[in-house]
């Protein structure tokens, strides 16, 4: 369901495309737009911000919102390859929807590929792309914390002046590429501080070892514990990777069982790599007769449906109104249009829920 500002932005975009404002080359004032659509001026500003991100207008203080080009003129008909680790799992559907929305508005064609987070699959996809026309590649890095054997193919793409925009992870050996990352270190630090504020002093963690998200979140967690004068104990941190995750989450016998049985008496909180892991941890904690949050506090990343639908809803970090897929797609279009772009890290906001002690009382959203 679209928001009010998205609906206003869509209406204004349609008017621009139809040439309604061609004579003046400037949009009506914020006040006039608010009156026409019966919304607040803040809603109008958000709508205008979307149009500016799409390159349709430029807002200048004191002179209004100037139309830079019509939607028809902005249409670019580029062929964009979108490579992700997974298509239908976890948060990926929402990311892909945003990518598709941005690209389709510019009449771009997108082809979606999934690596299943395996470098062999990534190589097959890249080889295929080098043999067919493609204008840009938007890619989620495969096992980004490990040395990548496919850098030669990425370099062949850049040698053809095909821009690369990475999402969630990137390869440091490709300095000419751009990326849109979660602010992973900042998020780990934010959650560690939050748990300390909750009165937690024995904070365990679970992180993914084969992507840079896991490393960044762990680094922030470690820094937060040091800052708060709390101990980081190796035995209360569990690492998993792409190959071990499936067995771990299926409930089969795995090292995670041994980990839980050995540490649950020693911790009063867990900082989880993402909501999917937090959902699983919640089940394991409750099966062992412990209460959330009275005995163990849980916090996580992504603010996905897993955090909202868990038996005890999980306090999690959100990007608020930002979406990494949308930001990456917009960056790709700007690069293809010859604009200068800088890589970005998308900041987090805290969404408190019942898995934390104050969240049980407030249930609200708070940026920290």
Foldseek 3Di string as FASTA:
>chain_A
DDDPLCVLLVVVLVCLQVCVCVVVQFDDALVVSCVVSVHDSVSPVSSVVVCVLLVQWDQDPPPHIGGPHHLVVQQDQFEEEEEEQDCPDFCNVVLVVLLCVSNVSSPYHYDYHHQVLDLVSVQVVLVVPVVDDHQEYEYADRLQQDDHPNVVSVVVCVVVVHAYEYEQHDHPVCVRHAYEHAQQLVFLLVVLQVVVVLVWQFEAEEFEDRGVSRVSSVNNVVVNCVVVVGDDDPLRYHYDYSVCVVCLQVPHDDVVVVSCVVPLVPGLEYEYAALSVQLSVVVVCVVVPDDANVRYAYEYEDPTVSQVPRPFRHWYKHLPPDHRSNVRSSVSSCVSVVHDDHHYHRYIWIQATRNGDVNPVVRGTGGD
